[in-house]
Amino acid sequence: AVVSTQSTGIDVCMFVTSCAVLLDTLIEAHKRGIRVRIVCDDMRISGSQFKIADAGLAVRVDNSQALMHHKFVVIDGRVLMSGSYNWTASGAAYNRENMF
């Protein structure tokens, strides 16, 4: 797993974050003491952002009229994952997405 018990930080910049499995993974990491910070597009705020904010994770939105269309994750300041993959159920199950 990319996120291990030795991980210290996860920074997520994601256009859409609504995939329950991935969000639950971030919440569990936060509960284990891993710093988790998330930036998402303000036009795509959904119940999932409130769920992770209620769990104590740092969630910020871009507050811009333009789309914040980035999709990347940085783990421990040294592992970068980037690609077209939006964290949605459709992105995980149906779309042709990538993450490197």
Protein backbone atom coordinates (compact mmCIF):
# COMPACT_ATOMS: atom_id res chain seq x y z
CA ALA A 1 0.00 0.00 0.00
CA VAL A 2 1.21 3.49 -0.78
CA VAL A 3 -0.16 4.76 2.53
CA SER A 4 1.50 2.73 5.26
CA THR A 5 1.61 2.83 9.03
CA GLN A 6 4.82 4.85 8.62
CA SER A 7 3.14 7.57 6.54
CA THR A 8 3.07 11.07 8.01
CA GLY A 9 1.06 13.10 5.50
CA ILE A 10 -1.38 12.88 2.62
CA ASP A 11 -2.14 15.95 0.51
CA VAL A 12 -5.00 15.58 -1.95
CA CYS A 13 -5.90 18.04 -4.70
CA MET A 14 -8.92 16.56 -6.46
CA PHE A 15 -11.60 18.07 -8.70
CA VAL A 16 -14.30 15.70 -7.39
CA THR A 17 -14.09 13.60 -4.23
CA SER A 18 -17.12 11.39 -3.66
CA CYS A 19 -15.82 7.80 -3.73
CA ALA A 20 -16.76 6.44 -0.30
CA VAL A 21 -13.98 3.82 -0.21
CA LEU A 22 -11.22 6.36 -0.86
CA LEU A 23 -12.70 8.93 1.52
CA ASP A 24 -13.07 6.32 4.26
CA THR A 25 -9.40 5.42 3.70
CA LEU A 26 -8.43 9.06 4.26
CA ILE A 27 -10.59 9.25 7.39
CA GLU A 28 -8.97 6.08 8.76
CA ALA A 29 -5.50 7.48 8.00
CA HIS A 30 -6.45 10.66 9.87
CA LYS A 31 -7.63 8.59 12.85
CA ARG A 32 -4.20 6.87 12.88
CA GLY A 33 -2.54 10.28 13.23
CA ILE A 34 -1.60 10.86 9.61
CA ARG A 35 -2.00 14.50 8.54
CA VAL A 36 -4.58 14.61 5.72
CA ARG A 37 -5.26 17.81 3.76
CA ILE A 38 -7.70 18.09 0.85
CA VAL A 39 -8.31 20.81 -1.73
CA CYS A 40 -11.32 20.47 -4.05
CA ASP A 41 -13.32 22.54 -6.48
CA ASP A 42 -15.91 24.77 -4.84
CA MET A 43 -18.43 24.04 -7.61
CA ARG A 44 -18.30 20.30 -6.84
CA ILE A 45 -18.88 20.35 -3.10
CA SER A 46 -21.04 17.44 -2.02
CA GLY A 47 -21.97 15.61 1.14
CA SER A 48 -18.66 13.77 1.02
CA GLN A 49 -16.71 16.98 1.71
CA PHE A 50 -18.87 17.61 4.75
CA LYS A 51 -18.33 14.00 5.88
CA ILE A 52 -14.54 14.33 5.78
CA ALA A 53 -14.59 17.81 7.32
CA ASP A 54 -16.82 16.49 10.14
CA ALA A 55 -14.23 13.73 10.68
CA GLY A 56 -11.63 16.45 11.36
CA LEU A 57 -9.75 16.46 8.05
CA ALA A 58 -8.55 19.79 6.65
CA VAL A 59 -10.73 20.55 3.61
CA ARG A 60 -10.32 23.65 1.49
CA VAL A 61 -12.06 24.78 -1.67
CA ASP A 62 -10.57 26.93 -4.40
CA ASN A 63 -13.15 29.79 -4.22
CA SER A 64 -12.71 30.64 -7.89
CA GLN A 65 -15.07 30.98 -10.83
CA ALA A 66 -12.70 28.80 -12.83
CA LEU A 67 -12.65 25.02 -12.35
CA MET A 68 -9.93 23.65 -10.10
CA HIS A 69 -9.48 20.60 -12.31
CA HIS A 70 -6.33 19.14 -10.75
CA LYS A 71 -6.18 15.48 -9.76
CA PHE A 72 -3.12 14.59 -7.72
CA VAL A 73 -2.05 13.21 -4.36
CA VAL A 74 1.26 13.71 -2.54
CA ILE A 75 2.18 11.20 0.16
CA ASP A 76 4.85 12.04 2.71
CA GLY A 77 6.09 14.87 0.51
CA ARG A 78 7.86 12.42 -1.78
CA VAL A 79 5.35 10.19 -3.61
CA LEU A 80 3.26 11.88 -6.32
CA MET A 81 0.21 10.26 -7.89
CA SER A 82 -1.34 12.21 -10.78
CA GLY A 83 -3.67 11.51 -13.67
CA SER A 84 -7.19 11.92 -15.02
CA TYR A 85 -8.87 9.91 -12.24
CA ASN A 86 -11.65 11.73 -10.34
CA TRP A 87 -12.45 10.13 -6.99
CA THR A 88 -15.99 9.10 -7.89
CA ALA A 89 -17.80 5.77 -8.12
CA SER A 90 -18.01 6.19 -11.91
CA GLY A 91 -14.32 7.04 -12.09
CA ALA A 92 -13.48 3.88 -10.18
CA ALA A 93 -15.85 1.49 -11.94
CA TYR A 94 -16.76 2.73 -15.41
CA ASN A 95 -14.62 5.51 -16.80
CA ARG A 96 -11.30 5.09 -18.55
CA GLU A 97 -9.20 6.94 -16.03
CA ASN A 98 -5.53 6.83 -15.11
CA MET A 99 -3.36 7.55 -12.09
CA PHE A 100 0.42 7.38 -12.21
